[in-house]
């Protein structure tokens, strides 16, 4: 295990050493999280879900129009309502 040190300023700020920033893949203005657990504190990269997952779900299908998206949403809501109704009858 390798230790990398930094100093806390009087304002409670700390500079994250470049080696750690590279390991986390963070750049200026990125968000980080201090994760508290039983054994101590971990530092992890964070950010918006959108930013972290952008481009993960690629498709070769053509994009839907706003009207098609609305119809798909309505269909999904109706199917969910039917499924819940059937489940209640079974219980």
PDB file of N, CA and C in Angstrom:
ATOM      1  N   UNK A   1       0.850  -1.171   0.000  1.00  0.00           N
ATOM      2  CA  UNK A   1       0.000   0.000   0.000  1.00  0.00           C
ATOM      3  C   UNK A   1       0.893   1.230   0.000  1.00  0.00           C
ATOM      4  N   UNK A   2       0.552   2.174  -0.828  1.00  0.00           N
ATOM      5  CA  UNK A   2       1.324   3.404  -0.937  1.00  0.00           C
ATOM      6  C   UNK A   2       0.548   4.537  -0.281  1.00  0.00           C
ATOM      7  N   UNK A   3       1.228   5.384   0.459  1.00  0.00           N
ATOM      8  CA  UNK A   3       0.598   6.547   1.075  1.00  0.00           C
ATOM      9  C   UNK A   3       1.040   7.804   0.349  1.00  0.00           C
ATOM     10  N   UNK A   4       0.089   8.705   0.121  1.00  0.00           N
ATOM     11  CA  UNK A   4       0.356   9.999  -0.490  1.00  0.00           C
ATOM     12  C   UNK A   4      -0.186  11.040   0.463  1.00  0.00           C
ATOM     13  N   UNK A   5       0.599  12.051   0.776  1.00  0.00           N
ATOM     14  CA  UNK A   5       0.222  13.018   1.808  1.00  0.00           C
ATOM     15  C   UNK A   5      -0.123  14.381   1.236  1.00  0.00           C
ATOM     16  N   UNK A   6      -0.934  15.104   1.998  1.00  0.00           N
ATOM     17  CA  UNK A   6      -1.289  16.483   1.706  1.00  0.00           C
ATOM     18  C   UNK A   6      -1.561  17.159   3.036  1.00  0.00           C
ATOM     19  N   UNK A   7      -1.673  18.480   3.034  1.00  0.00           N
ATOM     20  CA  UNK A   7      -1.883  19.239   4.264  1.00  0.00           C
ATOM     21  C   UNK A   7      -3.210  19.973   4.207  1.00  0.00           C
ATOM     22  N   UNK A   8      -3.915  19.986   5.323  1.00  0.00           N
ATOM     23  CA  UNK A   8      -5.179  20.719   5.423  1.00  0.00           C
ATOM     24  C   UNK A   8      -4.862  22.164   5.772  1.00  0.00           C
ATOM     25  N   UNK A   9      -5.469  23.111   5.035  1.00  0.00           N
ATOM     26  CA  UNK A   9      -5.256  24.528   5.307  1.00  0.00           C
ATOM     27  C   UNK A   9      -6.097  24.970   6.498  1.00  0.00           C
ATOM     28  N   UNK A  10      -5.901  26.191   6.934  1.00  0.00           N
ATOM     29  CA  UNK A  10      -6.679  26.729   8.054  1.00  0.00           C
ATOM     30  C   UNK A  10      -8.159  26.846   7.700  1.00  0.00           C
ATOM     31  N   UNK A  11      -8.492  26.854   6.416  1.00  0.00           N
ATOM     32  CA  UNK A  11      -9.888  26.905   5.972  1.00  0.00           C
ATOM     33  C   UNK A  11     -10.475  25.507   5.787  1.00  0.00           C
ATOM     34  N   UNK A  12      -9.718  24.466   6.116  1.00  0.00           N
ATOM     35  CA  UNK A  12     -10.207  23.102   5.973  1.00  0.00           C
ATOM     36  C   UNK A  12     -10.082  22.550   4.568  1.00  0.00           C
ATOM     37  N   UNK A  13      -9.309  23.223   3.730  1.00  0.00           N
ATOM     38  CA  UNK A  13      -9.142  22.776   2.352  1.00  0.00           C
ATOM     39  C   UNK A  13      -7.897  21.906   2.234  1.00  0.00           C
ATOM     40  N   UNK A  14      -7.917  21.036   1.232  1.00  0.00           N
ATOM     41  CA  UNK A  14      -6.775  20.167   0.988  1.00  0.00           C
ATOM     42  C   UNK A  14      -6.555  20.063  -0.516  1.00  0.00           C
ATOM     43  N   UNK A  15      -5.303  20.017  -0.922  1.00  0.00           N
ATOM     44  CA  UNK A  15      -4.981  19.803  -2.324  1.00  0.00           C
ATOM     45  C   UNK A  15      -4.855  18.305  -2.545  1.00  0.00           C
ATOM     46  N   UNK A  16      -5.590  17.800  -3.523  1.00  0.00           N
ATOM     47  CA  UNK A  16      -5.507  16.380  -3.843  1.00  0.00           C
ATOM     48  C   UNK A  16      -4.277  16.202  -4.729  1.00  0.00           C
ATOM     49  N   UNK A  17      -3.331  15.406  -4.290  1.00  0.00           N
ATOM     50  CA  UNK A  17      -2.114  15.222  -5.070  1.00  0.00           C
ATOM     51  C   UNK A  17      -2.403  14.740  -6.494  1.00  0.00           C
ATOM     52  N   UNK A  18      -1.561  15.154  -7.433  1.00  0.00           N
ATOM     53  CA  UNK A  18      -1.772  14.845  -8.845  1.00  0.00           C
ATOM     54  C   UNK A  18      -1.884  13.341  -9.085  1.00  0.00           C
ATOM     55  N   UNK A  19      -1.123  12.550  -8.384  1.00  0.00           N
ATOM     56  CA  UNK A  19      -1.179  11.099  -8.557  1.00  0.00           C
ATOM     57  C   UNK A  19      -2.569  10.556  -8.219  1.00  0.00           C
ATOM     58  N   UNK A  20      -3.185  11.102  -7.175  1.00  0.00           N
ATOM     59  CA  UNK A  20      -4.524  10.677  -6.764  1.00  0.00           C
ATOM     60  C   UNK A  20      -5.556  11.187  -7.761  1.00  0.00           C
ATOM     61  N   UNK A  21      -5.403  12.437  -8.216  1.00  0.00           N
ATOM     62  CA  UNK A  21      -6.339  12.987  -9.214  1.00  0.00           C
ATOM     63  C   UNK A  21      -6.318  12.152 -10.488  1.00  0.00           C
ATOM     64  N   UNK A  22      -5.139  11.757 -10.902  1.00  0.00           N
ATOM     65  CA  UNK A  22      -5.037  10.925 -12.113  1.00  0.00           C
ATOM     66  C   UNK A  22      -5.691   9.569 -11.896  1.00  0.00           C
ATOM     67  N   UNK A  23      -5.454   8.977 -10.738  1.00  0.00           N
ATOM     68  CA  UNK A  23      -6.040   7.675 -10.424  1.00  0.00           C
ATOM     69  C   UNK A  23      -7.567   7.742 -10.424  1.00  0.00           C
ATOM     70  N   UNK A  24      -8.115   8.840  -9.864  1.00  0.00           N
ATOM     71  CA  UNK A  24      -9.570   9.014  -9.827  1.00  0.00           C
ATOM     72  C   UNK A  24     -10.138   9.480 -11.167  1.00  0.00           C
ATOM     73  N   UNK A  25      -9.285  10.034 -12.013  1.00  0.00           N
ATOM     74  CA  UNK A  25      -9.758  10.565 -13.290  1.00  0.00           C
ATOM     75  C   UNK A  25     -10.522  11.862 -13.124  1.00  0.00           C
ATOM     76  N   UNK A  26     -10.117  12.675 -12.142  1.00  0.00           N
ATOM     77  CA  UNK A  26     -10.806  13.949 -11.909  1.00  0.00           C
ATOM     78  C   UNK A  26      -9.998  15.109 -12.459  1.00  0.00           C
ATOM     79  N   UNK A  27     -10.722  16.141 -12.817  1.00  0.00           N
ATOM     80  CA  UNK A  27     -10.134  17.363 -13.351  1.00  0.00           C
ATOM     81  C   UNK A  27     -10.736  18.545 -12.617  1.00  0.00           C
ATOM     82  N   UNK A  28     -10.193  19.741 -12.807  1.00  0.00           N
ATOM     83  CA  UNK A  28     -10.753  20.916 -12.134  1.00  0.00           C
ATOM     84  C   UNK A  28     -12.264  21.025 -12.342  1.00  0.00           C
ATOM     85  N   UNK A  29     -12.963  21.352 -11.283  1.00  0.00           N
ATOM     86  CA  UNK A  29     -14.414  21.553 -11.235  1.00  0.00           C
ATOM     87  C   UNK A  29     -15.217  20.253 -11.183  1.00  0.00           C
ATOM     88  N   UNK A  30     -14.556  19.087 -11.245  1.00  0.00           N
ATOM     89  CA  UNK A  30     -15.259  17.822 -11.065  1.00  0.00           C
ATOM     90  C   UNK A  30     -15.693  17.713  -9.609  1.00  0.00           C
ATOM     91  N   UNK A  31     -16.709  16.918  -9.365  1.00  0.00           N
ATOM     92  CA  UNK A  31     -17.185  16.668  -8.010  1.00  0.00           C
ATOM     93  C   UNK A  31     -16.567  15.384  -7.490  1.00  0.00           C
ATOM     94  N   UNK A  32     -16.257  15.372  -6.199  1.00  0.00           N
ATOM     95  CA  UNK A  32     -15.764  14.164  -5.553  1.00  0.00           C
ATOM     96  C   UNK A  32     -16.633  13.888  -4.336  1.00  0.00           C
ATOM     97  N   UNK A  33     -16.593  12.667  -3.866  1.00  0.00           N
ATOM     98  CA  UNK A  33     -17.386  12.288  -2.690  1.00  0.00           C
ATOM     99  C   UNK A  33     -16.457  11.722  -1.631  1.00  0.00           C
ATOM    100  N   UNK A  34     -16.742  12.072  -0.383  1.00  0.00           N
ATOM    101  CA  UNK A  34     -16.076  11.480   0.756  1.00  0.00           C
ATOM    102  C   UNK A  34     -17.043  10.426   1.291  1.00  0.00           C
ATOM    103  N   UNK A  35     -16.701   9.171   1.131  1.00  0.00           N
ATOM    104  CA  UNK A  35     -17.585   8.074   1.514  1.00  0.00           C
ATOM    105  C   UNK A  35     -17.171   7.587   2.896  1.00  0.00           C
ATOM    106  N   UNK A  36     -18.054   7.779   3.875  1.00  0.00           N
ATOM    107  CA  UNK A  36     -17.770   7.385   5.245  1.00  0.00           C
ATOM    108  C   UNK A  36     -18.244   5.965   5.468  1.00  0.00           C
ATOM    109  N   UNK A  37     -17.342   5.110   5.923  1.00  0.00           N
ATOM    110  CA  UNK A  37     -17.747   3.756   6.281  1.00  0.00           C
ATOM    111  C   UNK A  37     -17.074   3.391   7.596  1.00  0.00           C
ATOM    112  N   UNK A  38     -17.314   2.192   8.067  1.00  0.00           N
ATOM    113  CA  UNK A  38     -16.843   1.794   9.392  1.00  0.00           C
ATOM    114  C   UNK A  38     -15.336   1.906   9.548  1.00  0.00           C
ATOM    115  N   UNK A  39     -14.595   1.601   8.501  1.00  0.00           N
ATOM    116  CA  UNK A  39     -13.146   1.589   8.595  1.00  0.00           C
ATOM    117  C   UNK A  39     -12.480   2.931   8.354  1.00  0.00           C
ATOM    118  N   UNK A  40     -13.207   3.920   7.914  1.00  0.00           N
ATOM    119  CA  UNK A  40     -12.597   5.217   7.624  1.00  0.00           C
ATOM    120  C   UNK A  40     -13.356   5.965   6.553  1.00  0.00           C
ATOM    121  N   UNK A  41     -12.591   6.640   5.708  1.00  0.00           N
ATOM    122  CA  UNK A  41     -13.169   7.478   4.665  1.00  0.00           C
ATOM    123  C   UNK A  41     -12.509   7.133   3.331  1.00  0.00           C
ATOM    124  N   UNK A  42     -13.336   7.015   2.299  1.00  0.00           N
ATOM    125  CA  UNK A  42     -12.828   6.809   0.950  1.00  0.00           C
ATOM    126  C   UNK A  42     -13.134   8.044   0.128  1.00  0.00           C
ATOM    127  N   UNK A  43     -12.291   8.315  -0.828  1.00  0.00           N
ATOM    128  CA  UNK A  43     -12.494   9.411  -1.757  1.00  0.00           C
ATOM    129  C   UNK A  43     -12.874   8.798  -3.091  1.00  0.00           C
ATOM    130  N   UNK A  44     -13.983   9.271  -3.682  1.00  0.00           N
ATOM    131  CA  UNK A  44     -14.375   8.721  -4.975  1.00  0.00           C
ATOM    132  C   UNK A  44     -14.868   9.821  -5.891  1.00  0.00           C
ATOM    133  N   UNK A  45     -14.783   9.543  -7.160  1.00  0.00           N
ATOM    134  CA  UNK A  45     -15.262  10.475  -8.168  1.00  0.00           C
ATOM    135  C   UNK A  45     -16.778  10.414  -8.190  1.00  0.00           C
ATOM    136  N   UNK A  46     -17.412  11.529  -8.381  1.00  0.00           N
ATOM    137  CA  UNK A  46     -18.865  11.570  -8.465  1.00  0.00           C
ATOM    138  C   UNK A  46     -19.257  12.554  -9.549  1.00  0.00           C
ATOM    139  N   UNK A  47     -20.497  12.860  -9.611  1.00  0.00           N
ATOM    140  CA  UNK A  47     -21.002  13.779 -10.622  1.00  0.00           C
ATOM    141  C   UNK A  47     -22.413  13.398 -10.949  1.00  0.00           C
ATOM    142  N   UNK A  48     -22.951  14.038 -11.935  1.00  0.00           N
ATOM    143  CA  UNK A  48     -24.332  13.746 -12.287  1.00  0.00           C
ATOM    144  C   UNK A  48     -24.427  12.379 -12.938  1.00  0.00           C
ATOM    145  N   UNK A  49     -25.536  11.742 -12.751  1.00  0.00           N
ATOM    146  CA  UNK A  49     -25.776  10.448 -13.375  1.00  0.00           C
ATOM    147  C   UNK A  49     -25.726  10.601 -14.884  1.00  0.00           C
ATOM    148  N   UNK A  50     -26.238  11.694 -15.378  1.00  0.00           N
ATOM    149  CA  UNK A  50     -26.253  11.928 -16.819  1.00  0.00           C
ATOM    150  C   UNK A  50     -24.830  11.983 -17.357  1.00  0.00           C
ATOM    151  N   UNK A  51     -23.968  12.738 -16.678  1.00  0.00           N
ATOM    152  CA  UNK A  51     -22.592  12.864 -17.147  1.00  0.00           C
ATOM    153  C   UNK A  51     -21.858  11.529 -17.094  1.00  0.00           C
ATOM    154  N   UNK A  52     -22.091  10.751 -16.033  1.00  0.00           N
ATOM    155  CA  UNK A  52     -21.387   9.478 -15.882  1.00  0.00           C
ATOM    156  C   UNK A  52     -21.872   8.415 -16.859  1.00  0.00           C
ATOM    157  N   UNK A  53     -23.122   8.500 -17.275  1.00  0.00           N
ATOM    158  CA  UNK A  53     -23.682   7.437 -18.107  1.00  0.00           C
ATOM    159  C   UNK A  53     -23.914   7.847 -19.554  1.00  0.00           C
ATOM    160  N   UNK A  54     -23.567   9.062 -19.905  1.00  0.00           N
ATOM    161  CA  UNK A  54     -23.800   9.541 -21.272  1.00  0.00           C
ATOM    162  C   UNK A  54     -23.141   8.608 -22.279  1.00  0.00           C
ATOM    163  N   UNK A  55     -23.890   8.180 -23.253  1.00  0.00           N
ATOM    164  CA  UNK A  55     -23.373   7.343 -24.318  1.00  0.00           C
ATOM    165  C   UNK A  55     -23.308   5.861 -24.011  1.00  0.00           C
ATOM    166  N   UNK A  56     -23.694   5.439 -22.809  1.00  0.00           N
ATOM    167  CA  UNK A  56     -23.600   4.024 -22.452  1.00  0.00           C
ATOM    168  C   UNK A  56     -24.618   3.170 -23.198  1.00  0.00           C
ATOM    169  N   UNK A  57     -25.778   3.720 -23.447  1.00  0.00           N
ATOM    170  CA  UNK A  57     -26.853   2.953 -24.073  1.00  0.00           C
ATOM    171  C   UNK A  57     -27.026   3.403 -25.519  1.00  0.00           C
ATOM    172  N   UNK A  58     -26.109   2.989 -26.342  1.00  0.00           N
ATOM    173  CA  UNK A  58     -26.177   3.362 -27.750  1.00  0.00           C
ATOM    174  C   UNK A  58     -27.107   2.413 -28.491  1.00  0.00           C
ATOM    175  N   UNK A  59     -27.754   2.933 -29.503  1.00  0.00           N
ATOM    176  CA  UNK A  59     -28.681   2.131 -30.279  1.00  0.00           C
ATOM    177  C   UNK A  59     -28.535   2.487 -31.747  1.00  0.00           C
ATOM    178  N   UNK A  60     -28.800   1.509 -32.583  1.00  0.00           N
ATOM    179  CA  UNK A  60     -28.778   1.749 -34.019  1.00  0.00           C
ATOM    180  C   UNK A  60     -30.165   2.103 -34.540  1.00  0.00           C
ATOM    181  N   UNK A  61     -31.143   2.109 -33.626  1.00  0.00           N
ATOM    182  CA  UNK A  61     -32.500   2.470 -34.020  1.00  0.00           C
ATOM    183  C   UNK A  61     -32.576   3.978 -34.226  1.00  0.00           C
ATOM    184  N   UNK A  62     -33.422   4.428 -35.144  1.00  0.00           N
ATOM    185  CA  UNK A  62     -33.589   5.875 -35.331  1.00  0.00           C
ATOM    186  C   UNK A  62     -34.245   6.495 -34.096  1.00  0.00           C
ATOM    187  N   UNK A  63     -33.919   7.753 -33.839  1.00  0.00           N
ATOM    188  CA  UNK A  63     -34.501   8.452 -32.697  1.00  0.00           C
ATOM    189  C   UNK A  63     -36.004   8.615 -32.881  1.00  0.00           C
ATOM    190  N   UNK A  64     -36.731   8.559 -31.776  1.00  0.00           N
ATOM    191  CA  UNK A  64     -38.183   8.732 -31.827  1.00  0.00           C
ATOM    192  C   UNK A  64     -38.535  10.210 -31.776  1.00  0.00           C
ATOM    193  N   UNK A  65     -39.643  10.543 -32.392  1.00  0.00           N
ATOM    194  CA  UNK A  65     -40.141  11.913 -32.311  1.00  0.00           C
ATOM    195  C   UNK A  65     -40.777  12.108 -30.939  1.00  0.00           C
ATOM    196  N   UNK A  66     -41.070  13.352 -30.593  1.00  0.00           N
ATOM    197  CA  UNK A  66     -41.720  13.656 -29.313  1.00  0.00           C
ATOM    198  C   UNK A  66     -43.060  12.928 -29.213  1.00  0.00           C
ATOM    199  N   UNK A  67     -43.795  12.885 -30.291  1.00  0.00           N
ATOM    200  CA  UNK A  67     -45.092  12.194 -30.304  1.00  0.00           C
ATOM    201  C   UNK A  67     -44.909  10.691 -30.081  1.00  0.00           C
ATOM    202  N   UNK A  68     -43.915  10.109 -30.726  1.00  0.00           N
ATOM    203  CA  UNK A  68     -43.651   8.674 -30.549  1.00  0.00           C
ATOM    204  C   UNK A  68     -43.213   8.373 -29.120  1.00  0.00           C
ATOM    205  N   UNK A  69     -42.390   9.248 -28.550  1.00  0.00           N
ATOM    206  CA  UNK A  69     -41.964   9.074 -27.157  1.00  0.00           C
ATOM    207  C   UNK A  69     -43.163   9.122 -26.215  1.00  0.00           C
ATOM    208  N   UNK A  70     -44.071  10.078 -26.452  1.00  0.00           N
ATOM    209  CA  UNK A  70     -45.271  10.202 -25.626  1.00  0.00           C
ATOM    210  C   UNK A  70     -46.114   8.938 -25.728  1.00  0.00           C
ATOM    211  N   UNK A  71     -46.305   8.432 -26.942  1.00  0.00           N
ATOM    212  CA  UNK A  71     -47.088   7.215 -27.138  1.00  0.00           C
ATOM    213  C   UNK A  71     -46.449   6.023 -26.438  1.00  0.00           C
ATOM    214  N   UNK A  72     -45.131   5.899 -26.523  1.00  0.00           N
ATOM    215  CA  UNK A  72     -44.412   4.809 -25.851  1.00  0.00           C
ATOM    216  C   UNK A  72     -44.591   4.910 -24.332  1.00  0.00           C
ATOM    217  N   UNK A  73     -44.493   6.133 -23.805  1.00  0.00           N
ATOM    218  CA  UNK A  73     -44.660   6.337 -22.365  1.00  0.00           C
ATOM    219  C   UNK A  73     -46.072   5.961 -21.933  1.00  0.00           C
ATOM    220  N   UNK A  74     -47.065   6.394 -22.693  1.00  0.00           N
ATOM    221  CA  UNK A  74     -48.459   6.053 -22.372  1.00  0.00           C
ATOM    222  C   UNK A  74     -48.678   4.543 -22.414  1.00  0.00           C
ATOM    223  N   UNK A  75     -48.101   3.872 -23.411  1.00  0.00           N
ATOM    224  CA  UNK A  75     -48.222   2.427 -23.528  1.00  0.00           C
ATOM    225  C   UNK A  75     -47.584   1.735 -22.320  1.00  0.00           C
ATOM    226  N   UNK A  76     -46.399   2.201 -21.915  1.00  0.00           N
ATOM    227  CA  UNK A  76     -45.701   1.608 -20.765  1.00  0.00           C
ATOM    228  C   UNK A  76     -46.491   1.817 -19.477  1.00  0.00           C
ATOM    229  N   UNK A  77     -47.082   2.993 -19.320  1.00  0.00           N
ATOM    230  CA  UNK A  77     -47.885   3.285 -18.126  1.00  0.00           C
ATOM    231  C   UNK A  77     -49.115   2.379 -18.092  1.00  0.00           C
ATOM    232  N   UNK A  78     -49.762   2.214 -19.237  1.00  0.00           N
ATOM    233  CA  UNK A  78     -50.946   1.352 -19.306  1.00  0.00           C
ATOM    234  C   UNK A  78     -50.581  -0.098 -18.993  1.00  0.00           C
ATOM    235  N   UNK A  79     -49.475  -0.584 -19.557  1.00  0.00           N
ATOM    236  CA  UNK A  79     -49.044  -1.960 -19.286  1.00  0.00           C
ATOM    237  C   UNK A  79     -48.726  -2.152 -17.802  1.00  0.00           C
ATOM    238  N   UNK A  80     -48.089  -1.159 -17.185  1.00  0.00           N
ATOM    239  CA  UNK A  80     -47.769  -1.230 -15.759  1.00  0.00           C
ATOM    240  C   UNK A  80     -49.054  -1.267 -14.931  1.00  0.00           C
ATOM    241  N   UNK A  81     -50.027  -0.436 -15.290  1.00  0.00           N
ATOM    242  CA  UNK A  81     -51.302  -0.410 -14.555  1.00  0.00           C
ATOM    243  C   UNK A  81     -52.014  -1.757 -14.658  1.00  0.00           C
ATOM    244  N   UNK A  82     -52.007  -2.363 -15.840  1.00  0.00           N
ATOM    245  CA  UNK A  82     -52.635  -3.674 -16.023  1.00  0.00           C
ATOM    246  C   UNK A  82     -51.918  -4.721 -15.174  1.00  0.00           C
ATOM    247  N   UNK A  83     -50.599  -4.710 -15.205  1.00  0.00           N
ATOM    248  CA  UNK A  83     -49.821  -5.687 -14.436  1.00  0.00           C
ATOM    249  C   UNK A  83     -50.087  -5.544 -12.937  1.00  0.00           C
ATOM    250  N   UNK A  84     -50.158  -4.313 -12.455  1.00  0.00           N
ATOM    251  CA  UNK A  84     -50.443  -4.092 -11.027  1.00  0.00           C
ATOM    252  C   UNK A  84     -51.846  -4.549 -10.669  1.00  0.00           C
ATOM    253  N   UNK A  85     -52.792  -4.294 -11.552  1.00  0.00           N
ATOM    254  CA  UNK A  85     -54.168  -4.697 -11.322  1.00  0.00           C
ATOM    255  C   UNK A  85     -54.276  -6.216 -11.236  1.00  0.00           C
ATOM    256  N   UNK A  86     -53.603  -6.895 -12.145  1.00  0.00           N
ATOM    257  CA  UNK A  86     -53.622  -8.361 -12.141  1.00  0.00           C
ATOM    258  C   UNK A  86     -52.959  -8.915 -10.897  1.00  0.00           C
ATOM    259  N   UNK A  87     -51.882  -8.275 -10.454  1.00  0.00           N
ATOM    260  CA  UNK A  87     -51.182  -8.726  -9.245  1.00  0.00           C
ATOM    261  C   UNK A  87     -52.076  -8.571  -8.017  1.00  0.00           C
ATOM    262  N   UNK A  88     -52.821  -7.462  -7.950  1.00  0.00           N
ATOM    263  CA  UNK A  88     -53.733  -7.255  -6.807  1.00  0.00           C
ATOM    264  C   UNK A  88     -54.807  -8.327  -6.769  1.00  0.00           C
ATOM    265  N   UNK A  89     -55.310  -8.726  -7.939  1.00  0.00           N
ATOM    266  CA  UNK A  89     -56.341  -9.770  -8.005  1.00  0.00           C
ATOM    267  C   UNK A  89     -55.801 -11.102  -7.521  1.00  0.00           C
ATOM    268  N   UNK A  90     -54.538 -11.368  -7.794  1.00  0.00           N
ATOM    269  CA  UNK A  90     -53.921 -12.631  -7.385  1.00  0.00           C
ATOM    270  C   UNK A  90     -53.727 -12.675  -5.870  1.00  0.00           C
ATOM    271  N   UNK A  91     -53.482 -11.518  -5.259  1.00  0.00           N
ATOM    272  CA  UNK A  91     -53.223 -11.451  -3.811  1.00  0.00           C
ATOM    273  C   UNK A  91     -54.497 -11.580  -3.069  1.00  0.00           C
TER     274      UNK A  91
END
